[in-house]
Amino acid sequence: MNIKSATFVKGVVGTDEILEDGTPQIVFVGRSNVGKSSVINSLANQKKLARTSSFPGRTQEINIFLINKSVYLVDLPGYGFVKIPQKERERIQKMMQWYLFRSAYKLKKVVLIIDANVGPSSADLEMVRSLEEQENNIVVVVNKIDKIKKSEHEAKIQKIKATFGDRKIIFYSVEKKIGVTELTDEILK
C-alpha cells in the first residue's frame, strides 16, 4: 500500500467537528523531539507537510492530516521536556489527556514513537499503560535507529524488544528510509 495523497487539514485545540466526521484516526504520540512530525513527513514523502524543528515543543496543537482521502494522521504535541512556559505546557498536557483518554473519539491506532538512542522513558511506559487501559491498538516506532553506535546497537535493540514484549515494533529511520514501507502498511491496513 502507498500513500498517494497527504494534506494538512487543520490544527485543533479541543472539540472539533472534523474529529467527529467518522474518518479513522491514527494518532502519533511520543516525547518531545523524537521525530513524530518527521516520521509523518517521511510516510507522506513530503518534507514540509508537518512542521518540524530542533526546538522541543514546536507542535502545540492537535494537527490533522488527511491521507489518501480516507484516514487522518493526528500529530500530537510531545510530552516531557519542552522549552515553553509552564502555563502553556500545562494547557498542552490537558489537551492531550482530553483527546487520548476523555474524549469519545475512537482511535484506529496509536503510533508511539521513541528515540532509539534514548530508549523507552518512564513517561513512554506510562503512556503505553494508559493507552492499553483504553484498549488502544498500539504500534511502537523506534525512530532514529541509524543514530545508534554500532557497538551499542544489539544491546539497545534487545532492551527495547524486552521492554515492549509482544507489541508490534517497527525500527525506523527517516534519513535512511528504514521502516517506511512497514509503517505505511501498518497504518493503511
C-alpha atoms as a PDB file:
ATOM      1  CA  MET A   1       0.000   0.000   0.000  1.00  0.00           C
ATOM      2  CA  ASN A   2       1.153   3.519  -0.708  1.00  0.00           C
ATOM      3  CA  ILE A   3       0.296   6.994   0.425  1.00  0.00           C
ATOM      4  CA  LYS A   4      -0.873   8.713  -2.733  1.00  0.00           C
ATOM      5  CA  SER A   5      -2.128  11.953  -1.195  1.00  0.00           C
ATOM      6  CA  ALA A   6      -1.457  13.796   2.052  1.00  0.00           C
ATOM      7  CA  THR A   7      -2.747  17.212   3.042  1.00  0.00           C
ATOM      8  CA  PHE A   8      -2.724  19.253   6.218  1.00  0.00           C
ATOM      9  CA  VAL A   9      -6.357  19.787   7.224  1.00  0.00           C
ATOM     10  CA  LYS A  10      -6.134  21.888  10.385  1.00  0.00           C
ATOM     11  CA  GLY A  11      -4.808  22.239  13.896  1.00  0.00           C
ATOM     12  CA  VAL A  12      -7.312  21.962  16.732  1.00  0.00           C
ATOM     13  CA  VAL A  13      -7.099  22.546  20.477  1.00  0.00           C
ATOM     14  CA  GLY A  14     -10.349  20.921  21.599  1.00  0.00           C
ATOM     15  CA  THR A  15     -13.619  19.520  20.375  1.00  0.00           C
ATOM     16  CA  ASP A  16     -13.967  19.990  16.639  1.00  0.00           C
ATOM     17  CA  GLU A  17     -16.446  18.626  14.112  1.00  0.00           C
ATOM     18  CA  ILE A  18     -13.587  17.291  11.971  1.00  0.00           C
ATOM     19  CA  LEU A  19     -12.753  14.786  14.715  1.00  0.00           C
ATOM     20  CA  GLU A  20     -16.375  13.621  14.701  1.00  0.00           C
ATOM     21  CA  ASP A  21     -16.811  13.072  10.941  1.00  0.00           C
ATOM     22  CA  GLY A  22     -16.238   9.296  11.111  1.00  0.00           C
ATOM     23  CA  THR A  23     -12.835   9.309   9.399  1.00  0.00           C
ATOM     24  CA  PRO A  24     -10.487   6.789  11.095  1.00  0.00           C
ATOM     25  CA  GLN A  25      -7.841   8.466  13.271  1.00  0.00           C
ATOM     26  CA  ILE A  26      -4.272   7.187  13.587  1.00  0.00           C
ATOM     27  CA  VAL A  27      -2.526   9.092  16.335  1.00  0.00           C
ATOM     28  CA  PHE A  28       1.205   9.817  16.599  1.00  0.00           C
ATOM     29  CA  VAL A  29       2.368  10.306  20.177  1.00  0.00           C
ATOM     30  CA  GLY A  30       5.739  10.468  21.924  1.00  0.00           C
ATOM     31  CA  ARG A  31       8.154  12.610  23.870  1.00  0.00           C
ATOM     32  CA  SER A  32       9.210  15.983  22.523  1.00  0.00           C
ATOM     33  CA  ASN A  33      11.792  15.805  19.732  1.00  0.00           C
ATOM     34  CA  VAL A  34      11.512  12.067  18.999  1.00  0.00           C
ATOM     35  CA  GLY A  35      10.587  12.905  15.418  1.00  0.00           C
ATOM     36  CA  LYS A  36       6.794  12.477  15.224  1.00  0.00           C
ATOM     37  CA  SER A  37       6.397  15.177  12.571  1.00  0.00           C
ATOM     38  CA  SER A  38       9.448  13.937  10.653  1.00  0.00           C
ATOM     39  CA  VAL A  39       8.010  10.411  10.572  1.00  0.00           C
ATOM     40  CA  ILE A  40       4.724  11.772   9.189  1.00  0.00           C
ATOM     41  CA  ASN A  41       6.658  13.706   6.528  1.00  0.00           C
ATOM     42  CA  SER A  42       8.634  10.602   5.552  1.00  0.00           C
ATOM     43  CA  LEU A  43       5.471   8.497   5.268  1.00  0.00           C
ATOM     44  CA  ALA A  44       3.871  11.103   3.002  1.00  0.00           C
ATOM     45  CA  ASN A  45       7.151  11.616   1.110  1.00  0.00           C
ATOM     46  CA  GLN A  46       6.836  15.360   1.708  1.00  0.00           C
ATOM     47  CA  LYS A  47       9.466  17.429   3.500  1.00  0.00           C
ATOM     48  CA  LYS A  48       7.160  20.132   4.831  1.00  0.00           C
ATOM     49  CA  LEU A  49       3.755  18.527   5.370  1.00  0.00           C
ATOM     50  CA  ALA A  50       4.169  18.553   9.166  1.00  0.00           C
ATOM     51  CA  ARG A  51       6.266  21.376  10.610  1.00  0.00           C
ATOM     52  CA  THR A  52       9.478  20.181  12.206  1.00  0.00           C
ATOM     53  CA  SER A  53      12.038  21.863  14.406  1.00  0.00           C
ATOM     54  CA  SER A  54      15.043  21.035  16.560  1.00  0.00           C
ATOM     55  CA  PHE A  55      13.285  23.172  19.183  1.00  0.00           C
ATOM     56  CA  PRO A  56      11.376  20.896  21.625  1.00  0.00           C
ATOM     57  CA  GLY A  57       7.689  21.747  21.746  1.00  0.00           C
ATOM     58  CA  ARG A  58       7.175  23.005  18.179  1.00  0.00           C
ATOM     59  CA  THR A  59       3.842  21.173  17.843  1.00  0.00           C
ATOM     60  CA  GLN A  60       1.341  22.811  20.193  1.00  0.00           C
ATOM     61  CA  GLU A  61      -1.974  21.793  18.646  1.00  0.00           C
ATOM     62  CA  ILE A  62      -3.584  18.558  17.542  1.00  0.00           C
ATOM     63  CA  ASN A  63      -2.530  18.630  13.879  1.00  0.00           C
ATOM     64  CA  ILE A  64      -4.684  16.653  11.466  1.00  0.00           C
ATOM     65  CA  PHE A  65      -3.540  15.352   8.076  1.00  0.00           C
ATOM     66  CA  LEU A  66      -5.806  13.617   5.555  1.00  0.00           C
ATOM     67  CA  ILE A  67      -4.102  10.621   3.964  1.00  0.00           C
ATOM     68  CA  ASN A  68      -5.408   9.035   0.735  1.00  0.00           C
ATOM     69  CA  LYS A  69      -8.680  10.883   1.334  1.00  0.00           C
ATOM     70  CA  SER A  70      -9.634   8.130   3.774  1.00  0.00           C
ATOM     71  CA  VAL A  71      -7.748   8.345   7.089  1.00  0.00           C
ATOM     72  CA  TYR A  72      -6.483  11.060   9.430  1.00  0.00           C
ATOM     73  CA  LEU A  73      -2.955  11.043  10.780  1.00  0.00           C
ATOM     74  CA  VAL A  74      -3.110  13.000  14.017  1.00  0.00           C
ATOM     75  CA  ASP A  75       0.152  14.578  15.204  1.00  0.00           C
ATOM     76  CA  LEU A  76       0.008  15.336  18.930  1.00  0.00           C
ATOM     77  CA  PRO A  77       2.365  17.637  20.817  1.00  0.00           C
ATOM     78  CA  GLY A  78       5.196  15.850  22.590  1.00  0.00           C
ATOM     79  CA  TYR A  79       5.274  15.153  26.284  1.00  0.00           C
ATOM     80  CA  GLY A  80       8.242  15.625  28.584  1.00  0.00           C
ATOM     81  CA  PHE A  81      10.908  18.286  28.154  1.00  0.00           C
ATOM     82  CA  VAL A  82       9.600  21.342  26.316  1.00  0.00           C
ATOM     83  CA  LYS A  83      11.096  24.844  26.168  1.00  0.00           C
ATOM     84  CA  ILE A  84       7.839  26.717  26.728  1.00  0.00           C
ATOM     85  CA  PRO A  85       6.295  28.469  29.738  1.00  0.00           C
ATOM     86  CA  GLN A  86       4.800  26.228  32.437  1.00  0.00           C
ATOM     87  CA  LYS A  87       1.248  27.524  31.886  1.00  0.00           C
ATOM     88  CA  GLU A  88       1.417  26.674  28.172  1.00  0.00           C
ATOM     89  CA  ARG A  89       2.907  23.236  28.940  1.00  0.00           C
ATOM     90  CA  GLU A  90       0.002  22.508  31.305  1.00  0.00           C
ATOM     91  CA  ARG A  91      -2.527  23.589  28.654  1.00  0.00           C
ATOM     92  CA  ILE A  92      -0.959  21.248  26.100  1.00  0.00           C
ATOM     93  CA  GLN A  93      -0.864  18.330  28.545  1.00  0.00           C
ATOM     94  CA  LYS A  94      -4.548  18.829  29.419  1.00  0.00           C
ATOM     95  CA  MET A  95      -5.442  18.941  25.715  1.00  0.00           C
ATOM     96  CA  MET A  96      -3.551  15.683  25.056  1.00  0.00           C
ATOM     97  CA  GLN A  97      -5.075  13.942  28.085  1.00  0.00           C
ATOM     98  CA  TRP A  98      -8.532  15.006  26.968  1.00  0.00           C
ATOM     99  CA  TYR A  99      -8.030  13.813  23.373  1.00  0.00           C
ATOM    100  CA  LEU A 100      -6.448  10.463  24.252  1.00  0.00           C
ATOM    101  CA  PHE A 101      -8.324   9.493  27.399  1.00  0.00           C
ATOM    102  CA  ARG A 102     -11.504  11.510  27.953  1.00  0.00           C
ATOM    103  CA  SER A 103     -12.901  12.293  24.525  1.00  0.00           C
ATOM    104  CA  ALA A 104     -15.300   9.894  22.838  1.00  0.00           C
ATOM    105  CA  TYR A 105     -13.130   9.665  19.708  1.00  0.00           C
ATOM    106  CA  LYS A 106     -12.375   6.101  18.639  1.00  0.00           C
ATOM    107  CA  LEU A 107      -8.728   5.819  17.646  1.00  0.00           C
ATOM    108  CA  LYS A 108      -7.975   3.263  14.933  1.00  0.00           C
ATOM    109  CA  LYS A 109      -4.349   3.003  16.019  1.00  0.00           C
ATOM    110  CA  VAL A 110      -1.823   4.780  18.219  1.00  0.00           C
ATOM    111  CA  VAL A 111       1.748   5.055  16.957  1.00  0.00           C
ATOM    112  CA  LEU A 112       4.058   5.582  19.931  1.00  0.00           C
ATOM    113  CA  ILE A 113       7.388   6.943  18.741  1.00  0.00           C
ATOM    114  CA  ILE A 114      10.507   6.578  20.866  1.00  0.00           C
ATOM    115  CA  ASP A 115      14.110   7.620  20.236  1.00  0.00           C
ATOM    116  CA  ALA A 116      16.294   4.558  19.569  1.00  0.00           C
ATOM    117  CA  ASN A 117      19.307   6.079  21.315  1.00  0.00           C
ATOM    118  CA  VAL A 118      17.424   7.152  24.435  1.00  0.00           C
ATOM    119  CA  GLY A 119      15.197   4.081  24.595  1.00  0.00           C
ATOM    120  CA  PRO A 120      11.830   3.972  26.334  1.00  0.00           C
ATOM    121  CA  SER A 121      11.489   6.528  29.126  1.00  0.00           C
ATOM    122  CA  SER A 122       9.293   6.190  32.202  1.00  0.00           C
ATOM    123  CA  ALA A 123       6.901   8.656  30.509  1.00  0.00           C
ATOM    124  CA  ASP A 124       6.735   6.377  27.434  1.00  0.00           C
ATOM    125  CA  LEU A 125       5.956   3.350  29.595  1.00  0.00           C
ATOM    126  CA  GLU A 126       3.279   5.266  31.488  1.00  0.00           C
ATOM    127  CA  MET A 127       1.767   6.324  28.155  1.00  0.00           C
ATOM    128  CA  VAL A 128       1.671   2.685  26.987  1.00  0.00           C
ATOM    129  CA  ARG A 129      -0.055   1.601  30.218  1.00  0.00           C
ATOM    130  CA  SER A 130      -2.639   4.371  29.929  1.00  0.00           C
ATOM    131  CA  LEU A 131      -3.285   3.625  26.253  1.00  0.00           C
ATOM    132  CA  GLU A 132      -3.699  -0.087  26.961  1.00  0.00           C
ATOM    133  CA  GLU A 133      -6.252   0.673  29.691  1.00  0.00           C
ATOM    134  CA  GLN A 134      -8.290   2.346  26.927  1.00  0.00           C
ATOM    135  CA  GLU A 135      -7.797  -0.798  24.789  1.00  0.00           C
ATOM    136  CA  ASN A 136      -5.974   1.092  22.046  1.00  0.00           C
ATOM    137  CA  ASN A 137      -4.155  -0.715  19.250  1.00  0.00           C
ATOM    138  CA  ILE A 138      -0.534   0.403  19.798  1.00  0.00           C
ATOM    139  CA  VAL A 139       2.404   0.247  17.405  1.00  0.00           C
ATOM    140  CA  VAL A 140       5.831   1.206  18.756  1.00  0.00           C
ATOM    141  CA  VAL A 141       8.102   3.006  16.288  1.00  0.00           C
ATOM    142  CA  VAL A 142      11.739   3.120  17.323  1.00  0.00           C
ATOM    143  CA  ASN A 143      12.926   6.189  15.415  1.00  0.00           C
ATOM    144  CA  LYS A 144      16.484   7.292  14.664  1.00  0.00           C
ATOM    145  CA  ILE A 145      17.649   3.660  14.544  1.00  0.00           C
ATOM    146  CA  ASP A 146      20.524   4.779  12.303  1.00  0.00           C
ATOM    147  CA  LYS A 147      21.896   7.012  15.082  1.00  0.00           C
ATOM    148  CA  ILE A 148      22.801   4.164  17.461  1.00  0.00           C
ATOM    149  CA  LYS A 149      26.536   3.478  17.723  1.00  0.00           C
ATOM    150  CA  LYS A 150      27.427   0.129  16.163  1.00  0.00           C
ATOM    151  CA  SER A 151      28.979  -1.040  19.433  1.00  0.00           C
ATOM    152  CA  GLU A 152      25.674  -0.421  21.287  1.00  0.00           C
ATOM    153  CA  HIS A 153      23.230  -1.423  18.541  1.00  0.00           C
ATOM    154  CA  GLU A 154      22.413  -5.030  19.502  1.00  0.00           C
ATOM    155  CA  ALA A 155      22.155  -4.340  23.248  1.00  0.00           C
ATOM    156  CA  LYS A 156      19.794  -1.394  22.714  1.00  0.00           C
ATOM    157  CA  ILE A 157      17.609  -3.347  20.269  1.00  0.00           C
ATOM    158  CA  GLN A 158      17.312  -6.272  22.679  1.00  0.00           C
ATOM    159  CA  LYS A 159      16.444  -3.972  25.591  1.00  0.00           C
ATOM    160  CA  ILE A 160      13.703  -2.283  23.548  1.00  0.00           C
ATOM    161  CA  LYS A 161      12.277  -5.647  22.455  1.00  0.00           C
ATOM    162  CA  ALA A 162      12.313  -6.911  26.048  1.00  0.00           C
ATOM    163  CA  THR A 163      10.622  -3.736  27.327  1.00  0.00           C
ATOM    164  CA  PHE A 164       7.752  -3.824  24.831  1.00  0.00           C
ATOM    165  CA  GLY A 165       7.286  -7.603  24.722  1.00  0.00           C
ATOM    166  CA  ASP A 166       4.701  -8.787  22.190  1.00  0.00           C
ATOM    167  CA  ARG A 167       3.711  -5.331  20.980  1.00  0.00           C
ATOM    168  CA  LYS A 168       4.290  -4.528  17.313  1.00  0.00           C
ATOM    169  CA  ILE A 169       7.682  -2.761  16.996  1.00  0.00           C
ATOM    170  CA  ILE A 170       8.936  -1.052  13.848  1.00  0.00           C
ATOM    171  CA  PHE A 171      12.543   0.098  13.679  1.00  0.00           C
ATOM    172  CA  TYR A 172      12.679   3.354  11.745  1.00  0.00           C
ATOM    173  CA  SER A 173      14.996   5.924  10.197  1.00  0.00           C
ATOM    174  CA  VAL A 174      13.707   8.997   8.410  1.00  0.00           C
ATOM    175  CA  GLU A 175      17.115   9.691   6.873  1.00  0.00           C
ATOM    176  CA  LYS A 176      17.840   6.131   5.680  1.00  0.00           C
ATOM    177  CA  LYS A 177      14.184   5.358   4.860  1.00  0.00           C
ATOM    178  CA  ILE A 178      14.221   2.287   7.109  1.00  0.00           C
ATOM    179  CA  GLY A 179      10.788   1.053   8.172  1.00  0.00           C
ATOM    180  CA  VAL A 180       8.793   3.420   5.935  1.00  0.00           C
ATOM    181  CA  THR A 181       7.082   0.647   3.945  1.00  0.00           C
ATOM    182  CA  GLU A 182       6.373  -1.408   7.065  1.00  0.00           C
ATOM    183  CA  LEU A 183       4.813   1.533   8.923  1.00  0.00           C
ATOM    184  CA  THR A 184       2.838   2.618   5.846  1.00  0.00           C
ATOM    185  CA  ASP A 185       1.389  -0.877   5.525  1.00  0.00           C
ATOM    186  CA  GLU A 186       0.606  -0.938   9.252  1.00  0.00           C
ATOM    187  CA  ILE A 187      -1.339   2.312   9.266  1.00  0.00           C
ATOM    188  CA  LEU A 188      -3.176   1.754   5.985  1.00  0.00           C
ATOM    189  CA  LYS A 189      -4.367  -1.816   6.619  1.00  0.00           C
END
